[in-house]
Protein backbone atom coordinates (compact mmCIF):
# COMPACT_ATOMS: atom_id res chain seq x y z
CA UNK A 1 0.00 0.00 0.00
CA UNK A 2 1.49 3.41 -0.95
CA UNK A 3 2.34 5.86 1.82
CA UNK A 4 2.13 9.61 1.64
CA UNK A 5 5.10 11.88 2.23
CA UNK A 6 5.29 13.85 5.45
CA UNK A 7 7.67 16.75 4.83
CA UNK A 8 7.83 20.13 6.45
CA UNK A 9 7.01 22.91 4.02
CA UNK A 10 9.43 25.83 4.22
CA UNK A 11 8.93 29.32 2.97
CA UNK A 12 11.30 30.18 0.13
CA UNK A 13 11.89 33.64 1.62
CA UNK A 14 13.34 32.04 4.76
CA UNK A 15 16.17 30.52 2.72
CA UNK A 16 17.76 33.89 1.93
CA UNK A 17 17.62 35.34 5.42
CA UNK A 18 21.22 34.59 6.38
CA UNK A 19 22.78 35.62 3.09
CA UNK A 20 25.43 38.31 3.49
CA UNK A 21 25.23 41.15 1.02
CA UNK A 22 28.44 41.64 -0.98
CA UNK A 23 27.61 44.84 -2.84
CA UNK A 24 30.42 47.39 -2.86
CA UNK A 25 33.22 45.06 -1.76
CA UNK A 26 35.13 45.36 -5.03
CA UNK A 27 36.71 48.71 -4.22
CA UNK A 28 37.95 47.70 -0.79
CA UNK A 29 39.22 44.36 -2.07
CA UNK A 30 41.46 46.02 -4.66
CA UNK A 31 42.71 48.53 -2.10
CA UNK A 32 43.54 45.80 0.41
CA UNK A 33 45.28 43.78 -2.31
CA UNK A 34 47.60 46.71 -3.03
CA UNK A 35 48.27 47.15 0.68
CA UNK A 36 48.94 43.44 1.06
CA UNK A 37 51.45 43.50 -1.81
CA UNK A 38 53.31 46.39 -0.17
CA UNK A 39 53.42 44.42 3.09
CA UNK A 40 54.61 41.26 1.30
CA UNK A 41 57.54 43.10 -0.30
CA UNK A 42 58.94 43.87 3.16
CA UNK A 43 58.99 40.16 4.15
CA UNK A 44 62.04 37.92 4.06
CA UNK A 45 61.79 34.72 1.97
CA UNK A 46 61.38 32.67 5.17
CA UNK A 47 58.59 34.95 6.37
CA UNK A 48 56.94 34.76 2.93
CA UNK A 49 57.01 30.97 3.10
CA UNK A 50 55.43 31.04 6.56
CA UNK A 51 52.74 33.47 5.32
CA UNK A 52 52.06 31.18 2.33
CA UNK A 53 51.35 28.26 4.68
CA UNK A 54 49.15 30.47 6.84
CA UNK A 55 47.13 31.66 3.83
CA UNK A 56 46.73 28.08 2.57
CA UNK A 57 45.20 27.14 5.92
CA UNK A 58 42.87 30.16 5.84
CA UNK A 59 41.78 29.34 2.29
CA UNK A 60 41.00 25.73 3.20
CA UNK A 61 39.10 26.83 6.30
CA UNK A 62 36.97 29.25 4.29
CA UNK A 63 36.25 26.52 1.73
CA UNK A 64 35.21 24.08 4.46
CA UNK A 65 32.85 26.71 5.87
CA UNK A 66 31.40 27.21 2.37
CA UNK A 67 32.71 30.79 2.30
CA UNK A 68 33.80 30.61 -1.31
CA UNK A 69 34.18 34.33 -1.97
CA UNK A 70 36.52 34.71 1.00
CA UNK A 71 38.42 31.59 -0.07
CA UNK A 72 38.83 33.07 -3.55
CA UNK A 73 40.17 36.33 -2.11
CA UNK A 74 42.70 34.43 0.00
CA UNK A 75 43.59 32.33 -3.06
CA UNK A 76 44.33 35.52 -5.00
CA UNK A 77 46.53 36.81 -2.18
CA UNK A 78 48.26 33.44 -2.07
CA UNK A 79 48.93 33.52 -5.81
CA UNK A 80 50.34 37.04 -5.53
CA UNK A 81 52.57 36.09 -2.60
CA UNK A 82 53.88 33.01 -4.42
CA UNK A 83 54.86 35.16 -7.39
CA UNK A 84 56.73 37.54 -5.09
CA UNK A 85 58.39 34.58 -3.36
CA UNK A 86 59.60 33.18 -6.69
CA UNK A 87 60.89 36.61 -7.73
CA UNK A 88 62.72 37.04 -4.40
CA UNK A 89 64.32 33.57 -4.57
PDB file of N, CA and C in Angstrom:
ATOM      1  N   UNK A   1       0.837  -1.167   0.000  1.00  0.00           N
ATOM      2  CA  UNK A   1       0.000   0.000   0.000  1.00  0.00           C
ATOM      3  C   UNK A   1       0.896   1.250   0.000  1.00  0.00           C
ATOM      4  N   UNK A   2       0.674   2.191  -0.885  1.00  0.00           N
ATOM      5  CA  UNK A   2       1.489   3.407  -0.946  1.00  0.00           C
ATOM      6  C   UNK A   2       1.285   4.279   0.295  1.00  0.00           C
ATOM      7  N   UNK A   3       2.399   4.952   0.680  1.00  0.00           N
ATOM      8  CA  UNK A   3       2.339   5.855   1.821  1.00  0.00           C
ATOM      9  C   UNK A   3       2.598   7.281   1.345  1.00  0.00           C
ATOM     10  N   UNK A   4       1.950   8.202   1.976  1.00  0.00           N
ATOM     11  CA  UNK A   4       2.135   9.610   1.639  1.00  0.00           C
ATOM     12  C   UNK A   4       3.411  10.162   2.261  1.00  0.00           C
ATOM     13  N   UNK A   5       3.907  11.236   1.705  1.00  0.00           N
ATOM     14  CA  UNK A   5       5.098  11.883   2.233  1.00  0.00           C
ATOM     15  C   UNK A   5       4.713  12.873   3.320  1.00  0.00           C
ATOM     16  N   UNK A   6       5.486  12.892   4.356  1.00  0.00           N
ATOM     17  CA  UNK A   6       5.291  13.846   5.449  1.00  0.00           C
ATOM     18  C   UNK A   6       6.539  14.719   5.537  1.00  0.00           C
ATOM     19  N   UNK A   7       6.542  15.834   4.832  1.00  0.00           N
ATOM     20  CA  UNK A   7       7.673  16.750   4.835  1.00  0.00           C
ATOM     21  C   UNK A   7       7.213  18.114   5.306  1.00  0.00           C
ATOM     22  N   UNK A   8       8.112  18.779   5.999  1.00  0.00           N
ATOM     23  CA  UNK A   8       7.828  20.128   6.452  1.00  0.00           C
ATOM     24  C   UNK A   8       7.947  21.069   5.258  1.00  0.00           C
ATOM     25  N   UNK A   9       6.975  21.932   5.103  1.00  0.00           N
ATOM     26  CA  UNK A   9       7.006  22.910   4.023  1.00  0.00           C
ATOM     27  C   UNK A   9       7.686  24.163   4.549  1.00  0.00           C
ATOM     28  N   UNK A  10       8.722  24.625   3.806  1.00  0.00           N
ATOM     29  CA  UNK A  10       9.435  25.833   4.223  1.00  0.00           C
ATOM     30  C   UNK A  10       9.131  26.961   3.255  1.00  0.00           C
ATOM     31  N   UNK A  11       9.159  28.138   3.783  1.00  0.00           N
ATOM     32  CA  UNK A  11       8.929  29.324   2.966  1.00  0.00           C
ATOM     33  C   UNK A  11      10.212  29.654   2.225  1.00  0.00           C
ATOM     34  N   UNK A  12      10.126  29.895   0.943  1.00  0.00           N
ATOM     35  CA  UNK A  12      11.302  30.176   0.129  1.00  0.00           C
ATOM     36  C   UNK A  12      11.997  31.465   0.569  1.00  0.00           C
ATOM     37  N   UNK A  13      11.276  32.396   1.152  1.00  0.00           N
ATOM     38  CA  UNK A  13      11.885  33.640   1.619  1.00  0.00           C
ATOM     39  C   UNK A  13      12.768  33.409   2.843  1.00  0.00           C
ATOM     40  N   UNK A  14      12.526  32.351   3.586  1.00  0.00           N
ATOM     41  CA  UNK A  14      13.337  32.037   4.757  1.00  0.00           C
ATOM     42  C   UNK A  14      14.731  31.570   4.347  1.00  0.00           C
ATOM     43  N   UNK A  15      14.885  31.038   3.154  1.00  0.00           N
ATOM     44  CA  UNK A  15      16.173  30.521   2.719  1.00  0.00           C
ATOM     45  C   UNK A  15      17.213  31.621   2.559  1.00  0.00           C
ATOM     46  N   UNK A  16      16.813  32.809   2.174  1.00  0.00           N
ATOM     47  CA  UNK A  16      17.756  33.886   1.927  1.00  0.00           C
ATOM     48  C   UNK A  16      17.991  34.808   3.104  1.00  0.00           C
ATOM     49  N   UNK A  17      17.489  34.467   4.267  1.00  0.00           N
ATOM     50  CA  UNK A  17      17.616  35.344   5.422  1.00  0.00           C
ATOM     51  C   UNK A  17      19.058  35.562   5.858  1.00  0.00           C
ATOM     52  N   UNK A  18      19.861  34.513   5.854  1.00  0.00           N
ATOM     53  CA  UNK A  18      21.218  34.588   6.383  1.00  0.00           C
ATOM     54  C   UNK A  18      22.265  34.903   5.324  1.00  0.00           C
ATOM     55  N   UNK A  19      21.842  35.306   4.154  1.00  0.00           N
ATOM     56  CA  UNK A  19      22.783  35.621   3.088  1.00  0.00           C
ATOM     57  C   UNK A  19      23.393  36.990   3.360  1.00  0.00           C
ATOM     58  N   UNK A  20      24.726  37.053   3.266  1.00  0.00           N
ATOM     59  CA  UNK A  20      25.430  38.309   3.489  1.00  0.00           C
ATOM     60  C   UNK A  20      25.483  39.074   2.175  1.00  0.00           C
ATOM     61  N   UNK A  21      25.186  40.339   2.225  1.00  0.00           N
ATOM     62  CA  UNK A  21      25.228  41.154   1.018  1.00  0.00           C
ATOM     63  C   UNK A  21      26.671  41.513   0.706  1.00  0.00           C
ATOM     64  N   UNK A  22      27.054  41.402  -0.579  1.00  0.00           N
ATOM     65  CA  UNK A  22      28.436  41.638  -0.977  1.00  0.00           C
ATOM     66  C   UNK A  22      28.580  42.877  -1.843  1.00  0.00           C
ATOM     67  N   UNK A  23      27.571  43.666  -1.969  1.00  0.00           N
ATOM     68  CA  UNK A  23      27.613  44.838  -2.839  1.00  0.00           C
ATOM     69  C   UNK A  23      28.617  45.862  -2.325  1.00  0.00           C
ATOM     70  N   UNK A  24      29.470  46.356  -3.213  1.00  0.00           N
ATOM     71  CA  UNK A  24      30.424  47.388  -2.856  1.00  0.00           C
ATOM     72  C   UNK A  24      31.740  46.887  -2.305  1.00  0.00           C
ATOM     73  N   UNK A  25      31.979  45.582  -2.293  1.00  0.00           N
ATOM     74  CA  UNK A  25      33.222  45.059  -1.758  1.00  0.00           C
ATOM     75  C   UNK A  25      34.372  45.142  -2.756  1.00  0.00           C
ATOM     76  N   UNK A  26      34.096  45.366  -4.015  1.00  0.00           N
ATOM     77  CA  UNK A  26      35.130  45.362  -5.032  1.00  0.00           C
ATOM     78  C   UNK A  26      36.183  46.433  -4.822  1.00  0.00           C
ATOM     79  N   UNK A  27      35.773  47.617  -4.415  1.00  0.00           N
ATOM     80  CA  UNK A  27      36.714  48.713  -4.217  1.00  0.00           C
ATOM     81  C   UNK A  27      37.632  48.446  -3.038  1.00  0.00           C
ATOM     82  N   UNK A  28      37.109  47.960  -1.951  1.00  0.00           N
ATOM     83  CA  UNK A  28      37.946  47.695  -0.790  1.00  0.00           C
ATOM     84  C   UNK A  28      38.850  46.501  -1.029  1.00  0.00           C
ATOM     85  N   UNK A  29      38.396  45.526  -1.800  1.00  0.00           N
ATOM     86  CA  UNK A  29      39.220  44.356  -2.069  1.00  0.00           C
ATOM     87  C   UNK A  29      40.453  44.735  -2.877  1.00  0.00           C
ATOM     88  N   UNK A  30      40.303  45.616  -3.867  1.00  0.00           N
ATOM     89  CA  UNK A  30      41.461  46.018  -4.660  1.00  0.00           C
ATOM     90  C   UNK A  30      42.400  46.877  -3.837  1.00  0.00           C
ATOM     91  N   UNK A  31      41.870  47.692  -2.956  1.00  0.00           N
ATOM     92  CA  UNK A  31      42.708  48.526  -2.105  1.00  0.00           C
ATOM     93  C   UNK A  31      43.490  47.650  -1.127  1.00  0.00           C
ATOM     94  N   UNK A  32      42.845  46.664  -0.524  1.00  0.00           N
ATOM     95  CA  UNK A  32      43.540  45.800   0.413  1.00  0.00           C
ATOM     96  C   UNK A  32      44.556  44.922  -0.297  1.00  0.00           C
ATOM     97  N   UNK A  33      44.306  44.568  -1.548  1.00  0.00           N
ATOM     98  CA  UNK A  33      45.276  43.777  -2.305  1.00  0.00           C
ATOM     99  C   UNK A  33      46.549  44.577  -2.530  1.00  0.00           C
ATOM    100  N   UNK A  34      46.420  45.856  -2.835  1.00  0.00           N
ATOM    101  CA  UNK A  34      47.596  46.706  -3.031  1.00  0.00           C
ATOM    102  C   UNK A  34      48.355  46.873  -1.717  1.00  0.00           C
ATOM    103  N   UNK A  35      47.628  47.034  -0.624  1.00  0.00           N
ATOM    104  CA  UNK A  35      48.274  47.153   0.678  1.00  0.00           C
ATOM    105  C   UNK A  35      48.971  45.857   1.056  1.00  0.00           C
ATOM    106  N   UNK A  36      48.343  44.729   0.752  1.00  0.00           N
ATOM    107  CA  UNK A  36      48.935  43.435   1.058  1.00  0.00           C
ATOM    108  C   UNK A  36      50.228  43.242   0.271  1.00  0.00           C
ATOM    109  N   UNK A  37      50.240  43.642  -1.001  1.00  0.00           N
ATOM    110  CA  UNK A  37      51.446  43.500  -1.808  1.00  0.00           C
ATOM    111  C   UNK A  37      52.576  44.338  -1.229  1.00  0.00           C
ATOM    112  N   UNK A  38      52.283  45.532  -0.776  1.00  0.00           N
ATOM    113  CA  UNK A  38      53.306  46.387  -0.171  1.00  0.00           C
ATOM    114  C   UNK A  38      53.850  45.735   1.102  1.00  0.00           C
ATOM    115  N   UNK A  39      52.978  45.107   1.877  1.00  0.00           N
ATOM    116  CA  UNK A  39      53.424  44.421   3.094  1.00  0.00           C
ATOM    117  C   UNK A  39      54.254  43.189   2.755  1.00  0.00           C
ATOM    118  N   UNK A  40      53.890  42.472   1.688  1.00  0.00           N
ATOM    119  CA  UNK A  40      54.614  41.262   1.296  1.00  0.00           C
ATOM    120  C   UNK A  40      56.023  41.579   0.823  1.00  0.00           C
ATOM    121  N   UNK A  41      56.212  42.731   0.198  1.00  0.00           N
ATOM    122  CA  UNK A  41      57.536  43.103  -0.301  1.00  0.00           C
ATOM    123  C   UNK A  41      58.530  43.291   0.834  1.00  0.00           C
ATOM    124  N   UNK A  42      58.059  43.641   2.021  1.00  0.00           N
ATOM    125  CA  UNK A  42      58.935  43.866   3.165  1.00  0.00           C
ATOM    126  C   UNK A  42      59.332  42.561   3.856  1.00  0.00           C
ATOM    127  N   UNK A  43      58.723  41.432   3.486  1.00  0.00           N
ATOM    128  CA  UNK A  43      58.991  40.161   4.151  1.00  0.00           C
ATOM    129  C   UNK A  43      60.245  39.493   3.616  1.00  0.00           C
ATOM    130  N   UNK A  44      60.912  38.748   4.481  1.00  0.00           N
ATOM    131  CA  UNK A  44      62.038  37.918   4.058  1.00  0.00           C
ATOM    132  C   UNK A  44      61.486  36.672   3.380  1.00  0.00           C
ATOM    133  N   UNK A  45      62.303  35.959   2.609  1.00  0.00           N
ATOM    134  CA  UNK A  45      61.795  34.724   1.973  1.00  0.00           C
ATOM    135  C   UNK A  45      61.254  33.706   2.981  1.00  0.00           C
ATOM    136  N   UNK A  46      61.877  33.606   4.156  1.00  0.00           N
ATOM    137  CA  UNK A  46      61.379  32.670   5.173  1.00  0.00           C
ATOM    138  C   UNK A  46      60.019  33.128   5.705  1.00  0.00           C
ATOM    139  N   UNK A  47      59.872  34.430   5.896  1.00  0.00           N
ATOM    140  CA  UNK A  47      58.591  34.954   6.374  1.00  0.00           C
ATOM    141  C   UNK A  47      57.518  34.799   5.302  1.00  0.00           C
ATOM    142  N   UNK A  48      57.898  34.961   4.030  1.00  0.00           N
ATOM    143  CA  UNK A  48      56.944  34.756   2.932  1.00  0.00           C
ATOM    144  C   UNK A  48      56.457  33.316   2.921  1.00  0.00           C
ATOM    145  N   UNK A  49      57.385  32.385   3.109  1.00  0.00           N
ATOM    146  CA  UNK A  49      57.014  30.970   3.103  1.00  0.00           C
ATOM    147  C   UNK A  49      56.063  30.661   4.256  1.00  0.00           C
ATOM    148  N   UNK A  50      56.315  31.242   5.414  1.00  0.00           N
ATOM    149  CA  UNK A  50      55.428  31.044   6.564  1.00  0.00           C
ATOM    150  C   UNK A  50      54.044  31.636   6.280  1.00  0.00           C
ATOM    151  N   UNK A  51      54.005  32.812   5.657  1.00  0.00           N
ATOM    152  CA  UNK A  51      52.736  33.465   5.321  1.00  0.00           C
ATOM    153  C   UNK A  51      51.970  32.645   4.275  1.00  0.00           C
ATOM    154  N   UNK A  52      52.694  32.035   3.340  1.00  0.00           N
ATOM    155  CA  UNK A  52      52.058  31.182   2.330  1.00  0.00           C
ATOM    156  C   UNK A  52      51.333  30.027   3.012  1.00  0.00           C
ATOM    157  N   UNK A  53      51.991  29.373   3.963  1.00  0.00           N
ATOM    158  CA  UNK A  53      51.354  28.256   4.679  1.00  0.00           C
ATOM    159  C   UNK A  53      50.147  28.734   5.482  1.00  0.00           C
ATOM    160  N   UNK A  54      50.265  29.909   6.071  1.00  0.00           N
ATOM    161  CA  UNK A  54      49.150  30.470   6.837  1.00  0.00           C
ATOM    162  C   UNK A  54      47.952  30.757   5.934  1.00  0.00           C
ATOM    163  N   UNK A  55      48.211  31.354   4.761  1.00  0.00           N
ATOM    164  CA  UNK A  55      47.128  31.663   3.825  1.00  0.00           C
ATOM    165  C   UNK A  55      46.488  30.393   3.266  1.00  0.00           C
ATOM    166  N   UNK A  56      47.294  29.351   3.042  1.00  0.00           N
ATOM    167  CA  UNK A  56      46.730  28.083   2.573  1.00  0.00           C
ATOM    168  C   UNK A  56      45.741  27.530   3.595  1.00  0.00           C
ATOM    169  N   UNK A  57      46.098  27.607   4.863  1.00  0.00           N
ATOM    170  CA  UNK A  57      45.196  27.143   5.922  1.00  0.00           C
ATOM    171  C   UNK A  57      43.921  27.965   5.974  1.00  0.00           C
ATOM    172  N   UNK A  58      44.052  29.287   5.839  1.00  0.00           N
ATOM    173  CA  UNK A  58      42.870  30.159   5.841  1.00  0.00           C
ATOM    174  C   UNK A  58      41.961  29.833   4.666  1.00  0.00           C
ATOM    175  N   UNK A  59      42.559  29.629   3.494  1.00  0.00           N
ATOM    176  CA  UNK A  59      41.776  29.339   2.294  1.00  0.00           C
ATOM    177  C   UNK A  59      41.001  28.038   2.467  1.00  0.00           C
ATOM    178  N   UNK A  60      41.664  27.016   2.993  1.00  0.00           N
ATOM    179  CA  UNK A  60      40.999  25.732   3.200  1.00  0.00           C
ATOM    180  C   UNK A  60      39.890  25.845   4.243  1.00  0.00           C
ATOM    181  N   UNK A  61      40.125  26.639   5.274  1.00  0.00           N
ATOM    182  CA  UNK A  61      39.102  26.829   6.305  1.00  0.00           C
ATOM    183  C   UNK A  61      37.874  27.530   5.736  1.00  0.00           C
ATOM    184  N   UNK A  62      38.100  28.560   4.929  1.00  0.00           N
ATOM    185  CA  UNK A  62      36.974  29.254   4.293  1.00  0.00           C
ATOM    186  C   UNK A  62      36.203  28.296   3.380  1.00  0.00           C
ATOM    187  N   UNK A  63      36.923  27.472   2.634  1.00  0.00           N
ATOM    188  CA  UNK A  63      36.255  26.523   1.730  1.00  0.00           C
ATOM    189  C   UNK A  63      35.434  25.509   2.516  1.00  0.00           C
ATOM    190  N   UNK A  64      35.959  25.038   3.641  1.00  0.00           N
ATOM    191  CA  UNK A  64      35.213  24.081   4.465  1.00  0.00           C
ATOM    192  C   UNK A  64      33.960  24.707   5.049  1.00  0.00           C
ATOM    193  N   UNK A  65      34.014  26.003   5.328  1.00  0.00           N
ATOM    194  CA  UNK A  65      32.853  26.710   5.872  1.00  0.00           C
ATOM    195  C   UNK A  65      31.921  27.221   4.775  1.00  0.00           C
ATOM    196  N   UNK A  66      32.185  26.820   3.539  1.00  0.00           N
ATOM    197  CA  UNK A  66      31.398  27.210   2.372  1.00  0.00           C
ATOM    198  C   UNK A  66      31.411  28.724   2.155  1.00  0.00           C
ATOM    199  N   UNK A  67      32.505  29.360   2.513  1.00  0.00           N
ATOM    200  CA  UNK A  67      32.706  30.792   2.299  1.00  0.00           C
ATOM    201  C   UNK A  67      33.594  30.951   1.062  1.00  0.00           C
ATOM    202  N   UNK A  68      33.008  30.711  -0.095  1.00  0.00           N
ATOM    203  CA  UNK A  68      33.800  30.606  -1.310  1.00  0.00           C
ATOM    204  C   UNK A  68      34.357  31.946  -1.787  1.00  0.00           C
ATOM    205  N   UNK A  69      33.661  33.027  -1.554  1.00  0.00           N
ATOM    206  CA  UNK A  69      34.182  34.335  -1.966  1.00  0.00           C
ATOM    207  C   UNK A  69      35.416  34.695  -1.146  1.00  0.00           C
ATOM    208  N   UNK A  70      35.365  34.439   0.152  1.00  0.00           N
ATOM    209  CA  UNK A  70      36.518  34.707   1.002  1.00  0.00           C
ATOM    210  C   UNK A  70      37.682  33.796   0.624  1.00  0.00           C
ATOM    211  N   UNK A  71      37.375  32.530   0.338  1.00  0.00           N
ATOM    212  CA  UNK A  71      38.415  31.589  -0.073  1.00  0.00           C
ATOM    213  C   UNK A  71      39.073  32.046  -1.380  1.00  0.00           C
ATOM    214  N   UNK A  72      38.281  32.587  -2.285  1.00  0.00           N
ATOM    215  CA  UNK A  72      38.826  33.073  -3.554  1.00  0.00           C
ATOM    216  C   UNK A  72      39.717  34.295  -3.337  1.00  0.00           C
ATOM    217  N   UNK A  73      39.336  35.167  -2.408  1.00  0.00           N
ATOM    218  CA  UNK A  73      40.175  36.334  -2.110  1.00  0.00           C
ATOM    219  C   UNK A  73      41.507  35.902  -1.508  1.00  0.00           C
ATOM    220  N   UNK A  74      41.462  34.932  -0.603  1.00  0.00           N
ATOM    221  CA  UNK A  74      42.697  34.428  -0.001  1.00  0.00           C
ATOM    222  C   UNK A  74      43.531  33.717  -1.061  1.00  0.00           C
ATOM    223  N   UNK A  75      42.872  32.991  -1.972  1.00  0.00           N
ATOM    224  CA  UNK A  75      43.587  32.325  -3.063  1.00  0.00           C
ATOM    225  C   UNK A  75      44.329  33.341  -3.926  1.00  0.00           C
ATOM    226  N   UNK A  76      43.685  34.474  -4.212  1.00  0.00           N
ATOM    227  CA  UNK A  76      44.329  35.518  -5.000  1.00  0.00           C
ATOM    228  C   UNK A  76      45.533  36.102  -4.273  1.00  0.00           C
ATOM    229  N   UNK A  77      45.398  36.318  -2.978  1.00  0.00           N
ATOM    230  CA  UNK A  77      46.527  36.805  -2.184  1.00  0.00           C
ATOM    231  C   UNK A  77      47.652  35.792  -2.189  1.00  0.00           C
ATOM    232  N   UNK A  78      47.286  34.523  -2.084  1.00  0.00           N
ATOM    233  CA  UNK A  78      48.259  33.444  -2.072  1.00  0.00           C
ATOM    234  C   UNK A  78      49.019  33.387  -3.395  1.00  0.00           C
ATOM    235  N   UNK A  79      48.303  33.519  -4.489  1.00  0.00           N
ATOM    236  CA  UNK A  79      48.931  33.522  -5.811  1.00  0.00           C
ATOM    237  C   UNK A  79      49.912  34.687  -5.938  1.00  0.00           C
ATOM    238  N   UNK A  80      49.502  35.843  -5.474  1.00  0.00           N
ATOM    239  CA  UNK A  80      50.343  37.036  -5.533  1.00  0.00           C
ATOM    240  C   UNK A  80      51.605  36.854  -4.678  1.00  0.00           C
ATOM    241  N   UNK A  81      51.434  36.301  -3.492  1.00  0.00           N
ATOM    242  CA  UNK A  81      52.570  36.092  -2.602  1.00  0.00           C
ATOM    243  C   UNK A  81      53.526  35.059  -3.175  1.00  0.00           C
ATOM    244  N   UNK A  82      53.004  34.022  -3.792  1.00  0.00           N
ATOM    245  CA  UNK A  82      53.879  33.008  -4.416  1.00  0.00           C
ATOM    246  C   UNK A  82      54.708  33.613  -5.545  1.00  0.00           C
ATOM    247  N   UNK A  83      54.104  34.505  -6.337  1.00  0.00           N
ATOM    248  CA  UNK A  83      54.858  35.165  -7.393  1.00  0.00           C
ATOM    249  C   UNK A  83      55.988  36.010  -6.822  1.00  0.00           C
ATOM    250  N   UNK A  84      55.685  36.735  -5.738  1.00  0.00           N
ATOM    251  CA  UNK A  84      56.730  37.539  -5.094  1.00  0.00           C
ATOM    252  C   UNK A  84      57.820  36.656  -4.489  1.00  0.00           C
ATOM    253  N   UNK A  85      57.434  35.516  -3.948  1.00  0.00           N
ATOM    254  CA  UNK A  85      58.392  34.580  -3.363  1.00  0.00           C
ATOM    255  C   UNK A  85      59.334  34.037  -4.429  1.00  0.00           C
ATOM    256  N   UNK A  86      58.768  33.696  -5.580  1.00  0.00           N
ATOM    257  CA  UNK A  86      59.597  33.184  -6.687  1.00  0.00           C
ATOM    258  C   UNK A  86      60.534  34.285  -7.177  1.00  0.00           C
ATOM    259  N   UNK A  87      60.054  35.502  -7.270  1.00  0.00           N
ATOM    260  CA  UNK A  87      60.894  36.612  -7.726  1.00  0.00           C
ATOM    261  C   UNK A  87      62.004  36.910  -6.724  1.00  0.00           C
ATOM    262  N   UNK A  88      61.722  36.746  -5.427  1.00  0.00           N
ATOM    263  CA  UNK A  88      62.721  37.035  -4.401  1.00  0.00           C
ATOM    264  C   UNK A  88      63.754  35.920  -4.277  1.00  0.00           C
ATOM    265  N   UNK A  89      63.417  34.707  -4.699  1.00  0.00           N
ATOM    266  CA  UNK A  89      64.323  33.566  -4.570  1.00  0.00           C
ATOM    267  C   UNK A  89      65.380  33.529  -5.634  1.00  0.00           C
TER     268      UNK A  89
END
